[in-house]
Amino acid sequence: MIVKCLPIDSALFRTMYPDHHRWQLNQHLLADVADSLRWMVWSKSEDAQQGRGRPEPIQRPGVKSNRERVGTAVGIDQMNRFLDWSE
């Protein structure tokens, strides 16, 4: 190894390990601040009073969202055929 204890934000480290995406502490803290602000704004909205539309946190590297995704987007023609709607 060329350099021992290479910091992960160094150019050499990023070149040697291009798929290694790791945030520094300041990036995690900024994402937490942004998530908190978005949640505070949402909490005062009409959507929050109805219990819907809660903002999703900023995606962190290596962490999967715990929200369930259902279905896939389809075109209007395919949806009309699925619903058996004719024009």
C-alpha atoms as a PDB file:
ATOM      1  CA  MET A   1       0.000   0.000   0.000  1.00  0.00           C
ATOM      2  CA  ILE A   2       1.340   3.412  -0.933  1.00  0.00           C
ATOM      3  CA  VAL A   3      -0.027   5.410   1.979  1.00  0.00           C
ATOM      4  CA  LYS A   4      -1.133   4.069   5.350  1.00  0.00           C
ATOM      5  CA  CYS A   5      -4.210   5.550   7.076  1.00  0.00           C
ATOM      6  CA  LEU A   6      -5.264   7.523   4.025  1.00  0.00           C
ATOM      7  CA  PRO A   7      -8.190   9.879   4.782  1.00  0.00           C
ATOM      8  CA  ILE A   8     -11.346   8.918   2.894  1.00  0.00           C
ATOM      9  CA  ASP A   9     -11.771  12.403   1.457  1.00  0.00           C
ATOM     10  CA  SER A  10      -8.333  12.414  -0.191  1.00  0.00           C
ATOM     11  CA  ALA A  11      -8.055  12.396  -3.976  1.00  0.00           C
ATOM     12  CA  LEU A  12      -5.941   9.233  -3.941  1.00  0.00           C
ATOM     13  CA  PHE A  13      -8.487   7.329  -1.834  1.00  0.00           C
ATOM     14  CA  ARG A  14     -11.353   8.419  -4.118  1.00  0.00           C
ATOM     15  CA  THR A  15      -9.340   7.302  -7.148  1.00  0.00           C
ATOM     16  CA  MET A  16      -8.429   3.937  -5.634  1.00  0.00           C
ATOM     17  CA  TYR A  17     -11.986   3.221  -4.381  1.00  0.00           C
ATOM     18  CA  PRO A  18     -14.450   5.054  -6.672  1.00  0.00           C
ATOM     19  CA  ASP A  19     -17.448   3.038  -5.423  1.00  0.00           C
ATOM     20  CA  HIS A  20     -16.766   3.783  -1.771  1.00  0.00           C
ATOM     21  CA  HIS A  21     -19.227   6.566  -0.962  1.00  0.00           C
ATOM     22  CA  ARG A  22     -19.021   7.572   2.647  1.00  0.00           C
ATOM     23  CA  TRP A  23     -20.105  10.826   4.195  1.00  0.00           C
ATOM     24  CA  GLN A  24     -18.090  12.818   6.670  1.00  0.00           C
ATOM     25  CA  LEU A  25     -19.579  13.921  10.011  1.00  0.00           C
ATOM     26  CA  ASN A  26     -20.374  17.422   8.731  1.00  0.00           C
ATOM     27  CA  GLN A  27     -22.358  15.983   5.805  1.00  0.00           C
ATOM     28  CA  HIS A  28     -24.425  13.795   8.149  1.00  0.00           C
ATOM     29  CA  LEU A  29     -25.079  16.763  10.436  1.00  0.00           C
ATOM     30  CA  LEU A  30     -26.155  18.966   7.518  1.00  0.00           C
ATOM     31  CA  ALA A  31     -28.522  16.265   6.265  1.00  0.00           C
ATOM     32  CA  ASP A  32     -29.974  15.962   9.787  1.00  0.00           C
ATOM     33  CA  VAL A  33     -30.506  19.727   9.936  1.00  0.00           C
ATOM     34  CA  ALA A  34     -32.207  19.730   6.519  1.00  0.00           C
ATOM     35  CA  ASP A  35     -34.408  16.771   7.501  1.00  0.00           C
ATOM     36  CA  SER A  36     -35.397  18.489  10.748  1.00  0.00           C
ATOM     37  CA  LEU A  37     -36.257  21.746   9.002  1.00  0.00           C
ATOM     38  CA  ARG A  38     -38.346  19.966   6.379  1.00  0.00           C
ATOM     39  CA  TRP A  39     -40.157  18.045   9.116  1.00  0.00           C
ATOM     40  CA  MET A  40     -40.828  21.244  11.110  1.00  0.00           C
ATOM     41  CA  VAL A  41     -42.283  23.005   8.061  1.00  0.00           C
ATOM     42  CA  TRP A  42     -44.406  19.935   7.242  1.00  0.00           C
ATOM     43  CA  SER A  43     -45.622  19.603  10.848  1.00  0.00           C
ATOM     44  CA  LYS A  44     -47.374  22.985  10.589  1.00  0.00           C
ATOM     45  CA  SER A  45     -49.058  22.145   7.285  1.00  0.00           C
ATOM     46  CA  GLU A  46     -52.549  20.914   6.544  1.00  0.00           C
ATOM     47  CA  ASP A  47     -51.103  17.613   5.289  1.00  0.00           C
ATOM     48  CA  ALA A  48     -49.572  16.985   8.705  1.00  0.00           C
ATOM     49  CA  GLN A  49     -52.933  17.589  10.392  1.00  0.00           C
ATOM     50  CA  GLN A  50     -54.380  14.908   8.092  1.00  0.00           C
ATOM     51  CA  GLY A  51     -51.431  12.573   8.739  1.00  0.00           C
ATOM     52  CA  ARG A  52     -50.193  12.399   5.164  1.00  0.00           C
ATOM     53  CA  GLY A  53     -47.263  13.521   3.038  1.00  0.00           C
ATOM     54  CA  ARG A  54     -44.548  13.276   5.697  1.00  0.00           C
ATOM     55  CA  PRO A  55     -41.250  14.316   4.101  1.00  0.00           C
ATOM     56  CA  GLU A  56     -38.734  11.562   3.474  1.00  0.00           C
ATOM     57  CA  PRO A  57     -35.297  12.036   4.967  1.00  0.00           C
ATOM     58  CA  ILE A  58     -32.366  12.717   2.686  1.00  0.00           C
ATOM     59  CA  GLN A  59     -30.960   9.419   1.448  1.00  0.00           C
ATOM     60  CA  ARG A  60     -27.719   8.566   3.230  1.00  0.00           C
ATOM     61  CA  PRO A  61     -25.069   6.478   1.475  1.00  0.00           C
ATOM     62  CA  GLY A  62     -25.373   2.803   2.361  1.00  0.00           C
ATOM     63  CA  VAL A  63     -28.731   3.222   4.139  1.00  0.00           C
ATOM     64  CA  LYS A  64     -31.895   1.932   2.507  1.00  0.00           C
ATOM     65  CA  SER A  65     -35.212   3.712   2.951  1.00  0.00           C
ATOM     66  CA  ASN A  66     -37.691   1.939   5.218  1.00  0.00           C
ATOM     67  CA  ARG A  67     -40.640   3.252   3.216  1.00  0.00           C
ATOM     68  CA  GLU A  68     -42.377   0.652   1.113  1.00  0.00           C
ATOM     69  CA  ARG A  69     -42.676   1.375  -2.591  1.00  0.00           C
ATOM     70  CA  VAL A  70     -45.696  -0.138  -4.288  1.00  0.00           C
ATOM     71  CA  GLY A  71     -46.271  -0.418  -8.019  1.00  0.00           C
ATOM     72  CA  THR A  72     -44.586   1.108 -11.026  1.00  0.00           C
ATOM     73  CA  ALA A  73     -45.527   3.991 -13.266  1.00  0.00           C
ATOM     74  CA  VAL A  74     -47.370   3.082 -16.467  1.00  0.00           C
ATOM     75  CA  GLY A  75     -48.660   5.035 -19.431  1.00  0.00           C
ATOM     76  CA  ILE A  76     -52.275   6.204 -19.671  1.00  0.00           C
ATOM     77  CA  ASP A  77     -53.036   3.753 -22.507  1.00  0.00           C
ATOM     78  CA  GLN A  78     -51.814   0.791 -20.475  1.00  0.00           C
ATOM     79  CA  MET A  79     -53.818   1.959 -17.449  1.00  0.00           C
ATOM     80  CA  ASN A  80     -56.968   2.339 -19.570  1.00  0.00           C
ATOM     81  CA  ARG A  81     -56.527  -1.231 -20.846  1.00  0.00           C
ATOM     82  CA  PHE A  82     -55.958  -2.496 -17.303  1.00  0.00           C
ATOM     83  CA  LEU A  83     -59.120  -0.760 -16.064  1.00  0.00           C
ATOM     84  CA  ASP A  84     -60.980  -1.827 -19.214  1.00  0.00           C
ATOM     85  CA  TRP A  85     -61.960   1.744 -19.962  1.00  0.00           C
ATOM     86  CA  SER A  86     -62.809   2.556 -23.536  1.00  0.00           C
ATOM     87  CA  GLU A  87     -62.904   5.997 -25.064  1.00  0.00           C
END
